[in-house]
Protein backbone atom coordinates (compact mmCIF):
# COMPACT_ATOMS: atom_id res chain seq x y z
CA MET A 1 -3.56 60.73 -29.61
CA THR A 2 -6.71 60.64 -27.43
CA THR A 3 -9.62 59.82 -29.41
CA GLY A 4 -10.16 57.38 -32.31
CA ASN A 5 -10.24 60.17 -34.72
CA SER A 6 -7.09 61.85 -34.00
CA GLU A 7 -4.15 62.19 -36.11
CA ASN A 8 -0.34 62.04 -35.79
CA SER A 9 2.95 62.93 -37.56
CA LEU A 10 4.96 59.63 -38.74
CA PRO A 11 6.59 57.94 -37.45
CA PHE A 12 4.10 56.35 -35.06
CA SER A 13 5.01 57.59 -31.54
CA SER A 14 2.06 57.19 -29.73
CA HIS A 15 -0.32 54.49 -28.68
CA PRO A 16 -3.94 53.92 -30.00
CA PRO A 17 -6.68 55.31 -27.66
CA HIS A 18 -8.09 53.23 -24.83
CA VAL A 19 -11.19 51.23 -25.92
CA GLY A 20 -13.29 49.72 -23.24
CA LEU A 21 -13.90 45.92 -23.04
CA GLY A 22 -17.43 46.33 -23.66
CA ARG A 23 -16.89 48.52 -26.74
CA ARG A 24 -13.88 45.81 -27.94
CA ALA A 25 -16.33 42.96 -27.38
CA ILE A 26 -19.23 44.78 -29.56
CA TYR A 27 -16.62 45.66 -32.52
CA ALA A 28 -15.19 41.97 -32.37
CA TRP A 29 -18.77 40.63 -32.40
CA ARG A 30 -19.92 43.18 -35.43
CA MET A 31 -16.61 42.29 -37.26
CA ARG A 32 -17.10 38.61 -37.02
CA TRP A 33 -20.66 38.58 -38.87
CA LYS A 34 -19.18 41.28 -41.43
CA ARG A 35 -16.35 38.88 -41.95
CA LYS A 36 -19.12 36.01 -42.64
CA ARG A 37 -21.26 38.46 -45.11
CA LEU A 38 -17.97 39.32 -47.13
CA LEU A 39 -16.94 35.74 -47.39
CA PHE A 40 -20.68 34.83 -48.60
CA ARG A 41 -20.27 37.79 -50.99
CA ALA A 42 -17.23 36.37 -52.56
CA LEU A 43 -18.86 32.85 -52.85
CA ARG A 44 -21.53 34.54 -54.95
CA LYS A 45 -19.41 36.74 -57.22
CA ARG A 46 -17.29 33.59 -58.45
CA ARG A 47 -19.82 33.30 -61.15
CA GLN A 48 -18.70 36.37 -62.74
CA LEU A 49 -14.92 34.63 -63.08
CA GLN A 50 -14.21 32.75 -66.28
CA PRO A 51 -11.36 30.72 -66.44
CA VAL A 52 -8.96 31.45 -69.34
CA VAL A 53 -6.05 29.63 -67.98
CA ASN A 54 -5.83 27.26 -65.06
CA ARG A 55 -2.30 26.19 -63.72
CA THR A 56 -3.05 26.06 -60.19
CA GLY A 57 -2.04 22.24 -60.36
CA GLN A 58 1.50 23.55 -60.65
CA ILE A 59 1.21 25.21 -57.14
CA GLY A 60 3.75 23.40 -54.47
CA ARG A 61 3.02 22.94 -50.88
CA GLY A 62 5.37 25.77 -50.03
CA ASP A 63 4.98 28.32 -52.76
CA ILE A 64 4.43 31.85 -52.10
CA LEU A 65 1.48 33.04 -54.28
CA LEU A 66 0.57 36.62 -55.75
CA PHE A 67 -3.12 37.79 -56.52
CA SER A 68 -3.87 40.59 -58.47
CA THR A 69 -6.69 42.20 -60.33
CA VAL A 70 -5.63 43.85 -63.52
CA ARG A 71 -6.66 45.97 -66.32
CA ASN A 72 -4.56 47.32 -69.32
CA GLU A 73 -1.27 46.97 -67.67
CA ILE A 74 0.63 45.51 -70.53
CA THR A 75 3.37 48.16 -70.03
CA ARG A 76 3.95 47.37 -66.52
CA LEU A 77 3.67 43.69 -66.21
CA PRO A 78 6.79 42.05 -67.46
CA GLN A 79 8.97 44.27 -65.05
CA PHE A 80 6.26 43.51 -62.44
CA LEU A 81 6.31 39.78 -62.94
CA ASP A 82 10.33 39.84 -62.72
CA HIS A 83 10.28 41.76 -59.70
CA TYR A 84 8.04 39.44 -57.97
CA ARG A 85 9.81 36.55 -59.08
CA ARG A 86 13.16 37.55 -57.95
CA LEU A 87 11.22 37.85 -54.51
CA GLY A 88 10.36 34.51 -54.72
CA VAL A 89 7.12 34.21 -55.86
CA GLY A 90 6.08 30.76 -57.03
CA HIS A 91 2.88 31.23 -58.78
CA PHE A 92 0.76 34.35 -59.74
CA LEU A 93 -3.18 34.46 -59.74
CA PHE A 94 -4.73 37.48 -61.88
CA VAL A 95 -8.25 38.66 -62.66
CA ASP A 96 -8.20 40.39 -66.02
CA ASN A 97 -11.10 42.92 -66.03
CA GLY A 98 -11.75 43.31 -69.49
CA SER A 99 -8.43 44.35 -70.97
CA ASP A 100 -8.28 45.37 -74.48
CA ASP A 101 -4.18 46.06 -74.70
CA GLY A 102 -3.01 42.44 -75.00
CA THR A 103 -2.74 41.91 -71.17
CA ASP A 104 -4.74 38.75 -71.18
CA HIS A 105 -2.72 37.26 -74.20
CA PHE A 106 0.75 38.40 -72.58
CA LEU A 107 -0.52 36.59 -69.05
CA ARG A 108 -1.50 33.39 -70.83
CA GLN A 109 2.15 33.20 -71.95
CA GLN A 110 3.65 32.81 -68.78
CA GLY A 111 4.25 29.38 -67.07
CA ASN A 112 3.75 30.16 -63.34
CA VAL A 113 0.56 32.25 -63.97
CA SER A 114 -3.28 31.16 -63.86
CA LEU A 115 -5.85 33.68 -65.30
CA TRP A 116 -9.40 34.52 -64.98
CA ARG A 117 -11.39 37.07 -66.83
CA THR A 118 -14.23 39.05 -66.13
CA ASP A 119 -16.12 42.10 -67.73
CA HIS A 120 -18.46 42.81 -64.58
CA SER A 121 -18.09 45.87 -62.80
CA TYR A 122 -14.65 46.65 -60.67
CA ARG A 123 -16.67 48.88 -58.44
CA LEU A 124 -19.40 46.52 -57.48
CA SER A 125 -16.99 43.76 -56.69
CA ARG A 126 -15.60 45.95 -54.02
CA PHE A 127 -12.90 47.14 -56.46
CA GLY A 128 -11.88 43.40 -57.12
CA MET A 129 -11.53 42.26 -53.76
CA ASP A 130 -14.87 40.12 -54.21
CA TRP A 131 -13.02 38.04 -56.91
CA LEU A 132 -9.76 37.88 -55.10
CA THR A 133 -11.41 36.70 -52.02
CA TRP A 134 -13.06 34.13 -53.46
CA LEU A 135 -9.51 32.85 -55.65
CA MET A 136 -8.03 32.89 -52.21
CA ILE A 137 -10.46 30.69 -50.56
CA ARG A 138 -10.37 28.25 -53.03
CA PHE A 139 -6.34 28.10 -53.68
CA ALA A 140 -4.14 30.16 -50.85
CA HIS A 141 -5.39 28.31 -47.68
CA GLY A 142 -2.16 28.07 -45.68
CA HIS A 143 0.04 29.71 -48.09
CA TRP A 144 1.85 33.03 -47.72
CA THR A 145 0.24 35.38 -50.21
CA VAL A 146 1.24 38.76 -51.60
CA THR A 147 -1.93 40.93 -52.67
CA ALA A 148 -1.13 43.76 -54.74
CA ASP A 149 -1.71 45.95 -57.80
CA ALA A 150 0.18 46.09 -60.96
CA ASP A 151 1.61 49.45 -60.00
CA GLU A 152 2.76 48.39 -56.58
CA LEU A 153 6.27 46.94 -55.98
CA LEU A 154 6.94 45.45 -52.64
CA ILE A 155 10.22 45.92 -50.83
CA TYR A 156 11.03 45.71 -47.13
CA PRO A 157 14.47 45.77 -45.18
CA CYS A 158 17.36 43.70 -46.70
CA TRP A 159 15.21 42.73 -49.69
CA GLU A 160 17.80 42.43 -52.11
CA ARG A 161 19.70 39.81 -49.62
CA HIS A 162 16.58 37.98 -48.21
CA ASP A 163 13.89 36.89 -50.64
CA LEU A 164 10.32 36.44 -49.11
CA HIS A 165 10.84 32.77 -48.22
CA VAL A 166 13.45 33.73 -45.87
CA LEU A 167 11.28 36.64 -44.33
CA THR A 168 8.11 34.52 -44.23
CA ALA A 169 10.04 32.01 -42.31
CA TYR A 170 11.06 34.81 -39.81
CA LEU A 171 7.31 35.83 -39.68
CA ASP A 172 6.34 32.20 -38.90
CA ALA A 173 8.86 31.81 -36.39
CA THR A 174 8.00 34.89 -34.57
CA GLY A 175 4.19 33.91 -34.73
CA ARG A 176 3.34 36.74 -37.12
CA ARG A 177 0.60 36.01 -39.85
CA SER A 178 0.84 39.37 -41.67
CA MET A 179 3.34 42.15 -42.62
CA GLY A 180 2.30 45.77 -43.00
CA ALA A 181 3.59 48.06 -45.67
CA PHE A 182 3.45 51.65 -46.42
CA MET A 183 2.49 52.73 -50.24
CA LEU A 184 5.09 55.18 -51.22
CA GLU A 185 3.87 57.49 -54.05
CA LEU A 186 6.83 58.05 -56.58
CA TYR A 187 6.72 60.61 -59.56
CA PRO A 188 9.31 62.32 -61.89
CA LYS A 189 10.70 65.66 -61.90
CA GLY A 190 8.42 67.51 -64.55
CA ARG A 191 5.31 66.96 -65.96
CA LEU A 192 4.18 63.69 -66.09
CA ALA A 193 3.62 63.12 -69.95
CA ALA A 194 7.20 64.53 -70.51
CA ALA A 195 8.61 61.43 -68.96
CA ARG A 196 10.22 58.38 -71.25
CA TYR A 197 9.04 55.07 -70.30
CA SER A 198 9.48 51.90 -72.19
CA PRO A 199 7.68 48.64 -71.74
CA GLY A 200 9.01 46.45 -69.26
CA GLN A 201 11.64 49.12 -67.95
CA ASP A 202 12.09 49.16 -64.12
CA PRO A 203 9.63 52.23 -63.50
CA THR A 204 11.74 53.35 -60.32
CA GLU A 205 14.21 54.31 -63.01
CA ILE A 206 11.76 57.19 -64.16
CA LEU A 207 9.60 57.83 -61.08
CA ARG A 208 12.80 59.06 -58.97
CA TRP A 209 11.16 61.20 -56.30
CA PHE A 210 8.54 61.20 -53.35
CA ASP A 211 7.48 63.17 -50.49
CA PRO A 212 9.47 62.50 -47.30
CA LYS A 213 7.02 64.12 -44.97
CA GLY A 214 3.59 65.48 -44.76
CA TYR A 215 1.95 61.97 -43.23
CA VAL A 216 -0.62 61.27 -40.74
CA THR A 217 -1.97 58.31 -38.67
CA LYS A 218 -5.70 57.50 -37.98
CA TYR A 219 -6.66 54.68 -35.81
CA GLN A 220 -9.77 53.02 -36.49
CA PRO A 221 -11.14 51.28 -33.15
CA LYS A 222 -13.54 49.10 -35.10
CA LEU A 223 -10.81 46.99 -37.33
CA ASP A 224 -8.13 47.81 -34.86
CA ASN A 225 -5.80 49.19 -37.40
CA ILE A 226 -3.84 52.61 -38.41
CA LEU A 227 -4.61 54.12 -41.45
CA ILE A 228 -1.91 56.37 -42.90
CA ARG A 229 -2.87 59.15 -45.43
CA GLY A 230 -0.62 61.83 -47.32
CA GLY A 231 1.88 61.78 -50.01
CA VAL A 232 1.67 63.56 -53.24
CA ARG A 233 -1.92 63.19 -54.20
CA ALA A 234 -3.05 64.39 -50.72
CA ARG A 235 -0.94 67.50 -51.35
CA VAL A 236 -1.81 68.37 -54.84
CA PHE A 237 -5.54 67.20 -55.12
CA PHE A 238 -6.98 66.75 -51.53
CA ALA A 239 -5.07 69.72 -49.59
CA ARG A 240 -8.70 71.01 -48.70
CA ASP A 241 -10.58 68.04 -47.70
CA PRO A 242 -7.39 65.69 -46.57
CA ALA A 243 -9.72 62.74 -45.16
CA LYS A 244 -10.75 62.26 -48.70
CA ALA A 245 -7.20 61.23 -49.90
CA PRO A 246 -6.06 57.72 -50.78
CA THR A 247 -5.46 55.65 -47.71
CA LEU A 248 -1.36 54.47 -47.82
CA SER A 249 -1.26 52.11 -45.23
CA LYS A 250 -1.62 48.32 -46.48
CA THR A 251 -1.24 44.69 -45.54
CA PRO A 252 0.04 43.01 -48.50
CA LEU A 253 1.67 40.09 -47.18
CA VAL A 254 -0.58 37.63 -45.34
CA ARG A 255 -0.43 33.98 -44.48
CA TRP A 256 -3.84 33.19 -45.91
CA SER A 257 -6.75 31.20 -44.50
CA ARG A 258 -9.75 30.49 -45.99
CA ARG A 259 -11.70 32.34 -43.26
CA TYR A 260 -10.13 35.53 -43.70
CA ALA A 261 -11.56 38.34 -45.94
CA TRP A 262 -10.29 41.57 -47.26
CA VAL A 263 -12.21 44.57 -46.05
CA SER A 264 -11.16 47.70 -47.85
CA SER A 265 -8.97 46.81 -50.77
CA THR A 266 -5.76 45.80 -48.88
CA HIS A 267 -5.97 48.59 -46.56
CA SER A 268 -7.60 45.89 -43.87
CA LEU A 269 -8.64 42.42 -43.34
CA LEU A 270 -10.25 40.40 -40.85
CA PRO A 271 -10.06 38.93 -38.49
CA ARG A 272 -8.84 41.97 -36.91
CA ARG A 273 -5.85 40.67 -35.31
CA LEU A 274 -4.07 40.70 -38.81
CA ASN A 275 -4.62 44.44 -38.97
CA ARG A 276 -2.22 44.98 -35.98
CA VAL A 277 0.97 45.29 -38.37
CA ARG A 278 2.58 48.77 -37.42
CA GLY A 279 3.43 51.21 -34.76
CA PRO A 280 2.83 50.56 -31.09
CA GLN A 281 0.32 47.46 -31.72
CA ALA A 282 3.52 45.96 -33.41
CA PRO A 283 6.60 47.43 -31.96
CA HIS A 284 9.01 44.61 -33.00
CA ALA A 285 7.52 43.65 -36.44
CA PRO A 286 9.01 44.43 -39.31
CA SER A 287 7.16 46.43 -42.06
CA GLY A 288 7.79 47.29 -46.11
CA VAL A 289 7.12 49.53 -48.32
CA LEU A 290 5.09 49.41 -51.65
CA LEU A 291 6.39 51.62 -54.23
CA HIS A 292 3.75 53.05 -56.23
CA THR A 293 4.41 53.56 -60.05
CA LYS A 294 1.07 55.00 -61.06
CA PHE A 295 2.52 58.04 -62.55
CA LEU A 296 4.09 56.90 -65.50
CA PRO A 297 3.19 58.90 -68.40
CA THR A 298 0.22 56.83 -69.56
CA VAL A 299 -1.31 58.12 -66.24
CA VAL A 300 -2.57 61.09 -68.14
CA GLN A 301 -4.34 59.47 -70.92
CA ARG A 302 -5.38 56.78 -68.56
CA ALA A 303 -7.01 59.45 -66.03
CA ALA A 304 -9.63 60.88 -68.85
CA ILE A 305 -10.48 57.11 -69.43
CA GLU A 306 -10.91 56.20 -65.72
CA LYS A 307 -13.16 59.32 -65.38
CA ARG A 308 -15.62 58.34 -67.89
CA ARG A 309 -15.67 54.72 -66.30
CA ARG A 310 -16.26 55.67 -62.81
CA GLU A 311 -15.03 52.61 -61.44
CA HIS A 312 -12.30 53.44 -59.06
CA PHE A 313 -14.18 55.08 -56.26
CA GLU A 314 -17.53 54.62 -54.21
CA ASN A 315 -18.74 58.08 -55.15
CA SER A 316 -16.79 58.71 -58.50
CA ARG A 317 -18.29 62.10 -59.13
CA LEU A 318 -16.74 63.42 -55.95
CA TYR A 319 -13.38 62.93 -57.44
CA ASP A 320 -13.54 64.63 -60.91
CA GLY A 321 -11.42 67.36 -59.76
CA TYR A 322 -8.65 64.58 -59.31
CA TYR A 323 -9.07 63.35 -62.26
CA ASP A 324 -9.24 66.64 -63.85
CA GLY A 325 -6.01 67.42 -62.08
CA LEU A 326 -4.13 64.56 -63.62
CA ILE A 327 -5.68 65.24 -67.22
CA SER A 328 -4.01 68.57 -66.98
CA ASP A 329 -0.59 66.78 -67.03
CA PRO A 330 0.63 68.38 -63.81
CA ASP A 331 4.41 68.77 -62.34
CA PHE A 332 4.21 67.14 -58.69
CA TRP A 333 7.89 68.00 -57.77
CA THR A 334 8.82 70.95 -55.38
CA PRO A 335 12.24 71.59 -53.64
CA ASP A 336 11.07 69.65 -50.99
CA SER A 337 10.90 66.28 -52.80
CA ALA A 338 13.28 63.57 -51.86
CA GLU A 339 14.91 61.31 -54.50
CA TYR A 340 14.68 57.51 -53.86
CA THR A 341 17.67 56.19 -53.00
CA GLY A 342 16.75 52.85 -51.33
CA TRP A 343 15.19 51.14 -48.59
CA GLN A 344 17.77 52.24 -46.11
CA GLN A 345 16.66 55.73 -46.70
CA LEU A 346 12.92 54.75 -46.21
CA GLU A 347 14.00 53.05 -42.89
CA ALA A 348 15.72 56.29 -41.71
CA LEU A 349 12.51 58.42 -42.62
CA GLY A 350 10.38 56.33 -40.35
CA LEU A 351 8.28 54.84 -43.54
CA MET A 352 9.54 51.09 -42.90
CA SER A 353 10.94 49.22 -40.10
CA ARG A 354 13.11 46.16 -39.75
CA GLY A 355 11.94 45.50 -36.09
CA ASP A 356 13.94 42.37 -35.06
CA TRP A 357 14.51 41.16 -38.61
CA CYS A 358 17.69 41.06 -40.47
């Protein structure tokens, strides 16, 4: 890799390009001001949130917290909560963005959930990150936090034996305040709408397949992070313009400070040092995978709704072809698809790393 825009196949085998001291200083200065603007923006957006049930008084000093913005996720949420409770999350803080399928009613009944509601624009809140940043300023300072969408299930090496309390104790002991994860897009074999899924079922029982190769990395010097693109959406919908494909690199696990701010979903945050979570920037660090369960049978109907709402992309009209592709009920499977078997398989493929952990 020789320039800031060059790309490599996974795994991460080369170092980010050299950036001179002067340019690094300029980037650092710009990002400090950007972080202050984002924190001020979150402060203003707090007025858009209406508390539904606030149980944050239950949060203990050592609790791991999870933050998420949701809309009409009643089919996923029972299993989502079960998964993260098993991982050791002690309290969930949700923003419900105008659900009308019973999501808000379900979350109100959960004992370790606090819930806020807003009908304001998801896109104009930086896809929910302004709302979550405010809640994290208010409630997450000093806590290890998971930030994830309802269709993202975090796993990491040895996750069945060691919960997040053990993992974060290791991260604390090694001086790390964040852990990266690769978003792995899972899909069924056959047309999307043909699968059979029951609410509360583990979605990985239906979504068994993924693309094992075809991923590229790109270094961003301003944020000092490494982006990853590829996967089934890049292969099927963005083959002609791969730079528009969704970013798959995320940093969902962070020991939060009220001085931190999300920049672009959970793909990057500030200060910049928190983004050094993968590849040569963090050679001995563990990393995880977010199992992305977007492609349940309901995605076909939801794509038509989201195309009309135009809330999920900055310039949504550029992505009409993507939504039309989902509405057509495609079959993503090919003979090159791999069947998901567990974290050991993903480590062998270079999609996660145990580093010096477990």
